[in-house]
């Protein structure tokens, strides 16, 4: 697949996604908000991110509909903003889970206790994976670009195997 020159318009969804969320601070902001750290000061403290960068990244994520602003007011204080994932932002949770899973598998000295996401319903670890639109779980070796799929014969089904 041809890759567009930096700054050029691209119809590649990976390039477009990276342009929006592919920067380190942005992914860490999304991670923390998904974990429930939603207030600016709490994000700043958790991340150690410079205020100007944090403010710019939050603004960009809100502008693109990945985050929404939820006003809150502590008693006796002025109104402030908390940030919450929108439906578009929640769709990125699978990306965060895949990055966590990859890091746990391939990077030394990462904390599994703090990093492993778990299913709220049963407490079991969550894993990111691939599946086709028919629900089959697939591994990376059985995934090809859409154009190449036409050249590959599909696996026989019960109906075609008779």
Protein backbone atom coordinates (compact mmCIF):
# COMPACT_ATOMS: atom_id res chain seq x y z
CA UNK A 1 0.00 0.00 0.00
CA UNK A 2 1.54 3.34 -0.99
CA UNK A 3 2.20 5.68 1.88
CA UNK A 4 1.47 9.37 1.44
CA UNK A 5 4.25 11.85 2.02
CA UNK A 6 4.14 13.54 5.44
CA UNK A 7 1.53 16.29 5.38
CA UNK A 8 -0.18 14.94 2.25
CA UNK A 9 -3.85 14.01 2.35
CA UNK A 10 -4.29 10.27 2.72
CA UNK A 11 -7.29 8.00 2.49
CA UNK A 12 -5.52 5.42 4.66
CA UNK A 13 -7.55 5.00 7.87
CA UNK A 14 -4.41 4.10 9.84
CA UNK A 15 -2.68 7.32 8.77
CA UNK A 16 -5.80 9.35 9.58
CA UNK A 17 -6.16 7.74 13.00
CA UNK A 18 -2.50 8.31 13.81
CA UNK A 19 -2.84 11.95 12.79
CA UNK A 20 -5.55 12.32 15.43
CA UNK A 21 -4.46 10.03 18.28
CA UNK A 22 -1.00 8.70 17.40
CA UNK A 23 1.04 10.98 19.62
CA UNK A 24 2.31 9.65 22.99
CA UNK A 25 0.53 12.16 25.23
CA UNK A 26 -2.77 11.69 23.39
CA UNK A 27 -2.78 7.92 23.91
CA UNK A 28 -1.82 8.31 27.57
CA UNK A 29 -4.60 10.87 28.06
CA UNK A 30 -7.11 8.42 26.57
CA UNK A 31 -5.73 5.64 28.78
CA UNK A 32 -6.15 7.71 31.93
CA UNK A 33 -9.62 8.97 31.05
CA UNK A 34 -10.70 5.40 30.37
CA UNK A 35 -9.35 4.51 33.83
CA UNK A 36 -11.47 7.25 35.40
CA UNK A 37 -8.96 10.09 35.70
CA UNK A 38 -11.10 12.79 34.12
CA UNK A 39 -10.19 16.19 35.60
CA UNK A 40 -7.49 18.41 34.12
CA UNK A 41 -5.44 18.71 37.33
CA UNK A 42 -5.69 14.98 37.98
CA UNK A 43 -4.59 14.22 34.41
CA UNK A 44 -1.69 16.65 34.72
CA UNK A 45 -0.56 14.99 37.95
CA UNK A 46 -1.01 11.44 36.69
CA UNK A 47 0.76 12.00 33.38
CA UNK A 48 3.40 14.57 34.27
CA UNK A 49 2.44 16.22 31.00
CA UNK A 50 3.16 19.95 30.53
CA UNK A 51 -0.04 21.99 30.96
CA UNK A 52 0.12 23.55 27.49
CA UNK A 53 0.46 20.15 25.81
CA UNK A 54 -2.29 18.61 27.92
CA UNK A 55 -4.61 21.52 27.17
CA UNK A 56 -3.91 21.34 23.42
CA UNK A 57 -4.41 17.56 23.26
CA UNK A 58 -7.67 17.71 25.23
CA UNK A 59 -8.95 20.53 23.01
CA UNK A 60 -8.13 18.53 19.86
CA UNK A 61 -9.84 15.39 21.18
CA UNK A 62 -12.95 17.39 22.09
CA UNK A 63 -12.98 19.15 18.69
CA UNK A 64 -12.86 15.78 16.93
CA UNK A 65 -15.58 14.22 19.09
CA UNK A 66 -13.33 11.69 20.84
CA UNK A 67 -13.94 13.35 24.22
CA UNK A 68 -16.80 15.40 25.60
CA UNK A 69 -16.64 18.03 28.32
CA UNK A 70 -18.72 17.35 31.43
CA UNK A 71 -18.94 20.40 33.70
CA UNK A 72 -18.74 19.82 37.44
CA UNK A 73 -18.51 22.04 40.51
CA UNK A 74 -17.06 21.09 43.86
CA UNK A 75 -18.88 22.79 46.77
CA UNK A 76 -17.66 26.34 47.20
CA UNK A 77 -15.55 26.22 44.03
CA UNK A 78 -15.94 27.56 40.50
CA UNK A 79 -17.28 25.34 37.72
CA UNK A 80 -14.66 23.17 36.05
CA UNK A 81 -14.53 20.59 33.29
CA UNK A 82 -14.13 16.86 33.40
CA UNK A 83 -13.50 14.86 30.25
CA UNK A 84 -15.36 11.73 29.24
CA UNK A 85 -15.00 9.35 26.32
CA UNK A 86 -17.67 9.68 23.66
CA UNK A 87 -18.82 6.68 21.61
CA UNK A 88 -16.00 7.55 19.19
CA UNK A 89 -13.55 7.60 22.11
CA UNK A 90 -14.85 4.31 23.53
CA UNK A 91 -14.16 2.72 20.13
CA UNK A 92 -10.46 3.41 20.83
CA UNK A 93 -10.49 1.24 23.99
CA UNK A 94 -9.71 -1.81 21.84
CA UNK A 95 -6.63 0.03 20.52
CA UNK A 96 -5.50 0.80 24.07
CA UNK A 97 -6.07 -2.85 25.06
CA UNK A 98 -4.05 -4.04 22.06
CA UNK A 99 -1.18 -1.69 22.95
CA UNK A 100 -1.26 -2.92 26.57
CA UNK A 101 -1.30 -6.54 25.46
CA UNK A 102 1.62 -5.98 23.09
CA UNK A 103 3.61 -4.16 25.79
CA UNK A 104 3.03 -6.91 28.33
CA UNK A 105 4.19 -9.50 25.83
CA UNK A 106 7.17 -7.72 24.29
CA UNK A 107 8.53 -5.08 26.66
CA UNK A 108 10.65 -5.90 29.69
CA UNK A 109 9.80 -4.57 33.11
CA UNK A 110 6.18 -3.52 32.64
CA UNK A 111 3.77 -3.94 35.51
CA UNK A 112 1.15 -6.55 34.62
CA UNK A 113 -0.88 -5.77 37.74
CA UNK A 114 -1.44 -2.14 36.76
CA UNK A 115 -1.60 -2.73 33.02
CA UNK A 116 -3.85 -5.73 32.45
CA UNK A 117 -7.42 -4.69 31.65
CA UNK A 118 -10.14 -6.90 33.12
CA UNK A 119 -13.79 -7.55 32.28
CA UNK A 120 -16.01 -5.64 34.71
CA UNK A 121 -18.58 -8.45 34.67
CA UNK A 122 -16.36 -11.35 35.75
CA UNK A 123 -12.90 -9.96 36.54
CA UNK A 124 -11.12 -12.02 33.89
CA UNK A 125 -8.31 -10.43 31.86
CA UNK A 126 -9.38 -8.86 28.58
CA UNK A 127 -7.42 -9.57 25.43
CA UNK A 128 -7.57 -7.73 22.14
CA UNK A 129 -7.98 -9.90 19.09
CA UNK A 130 -9.03 -10.01 15.49
CA UNK A 131 -12.26 -11.41 14.14
CA UNK A 132 -13.97 -11.32 10.78
CA UNK A 133 -17.45 -9.88 10.25
CA UNK A 134 -18.88 -13.41 10.60
CA UNK A 135 -17.43 -13.69 14.10
CA UNK A 136 -14.49 -16.02 13.40
CA UNK A 137 -11.42 -15.31 15.54
CA UNK A 138 -8.42 -14.96 13.25
CA UNK A 139 -4.67 -14.63 13.73
CA UNK A 140 -2.43 -12.10 12.00
CA UNK A 141 -1.16 -14.68 9.49
CA UNK A 142 -4.67 -15.19 8.10
CA UNK A 143 -5.36 -11.49 7.47
CA UNK A 144 -4.67 -10.03 4.02
CA UNK A 145 -5.43 -6.62 2.48
CA UNK A 146 -8.98 -6.47 1.06
CA UNK A 147 -7.79 -6.47 -2.57
CA UNK A 148 -5.71 -9.58 -1.98
CA UNK A 149 -8.67 -11.43 -0.46
CA UNK A 150 -10.25 -11.80 -3.92
CA UNK A 151 -7.20 -13.77 -5.04
CA UNK A 152 -7.48 -16.16 -2.09
CA UNK A 153 -10.16 -18.85 -2.21
CA UNK A 154 -12.36 -18.76 0.89
CA UNK A 155 -12.34 -21.78 3.16
CA UNK A 156 -15.17 -24.17 2.29
CA UNK A 157 -18.30 -23.99 4.40
CA UNK A 158 -20.58 -26.94 5.17
CA UNK A 159 -22.82 -25.98 2.26
CA UNK A 160 -19.96 -25.87 -0.27
CA UNK A 161 -18.14 -28.92 1.11
CA UNK A 162 -20.99 -31.33 0.17
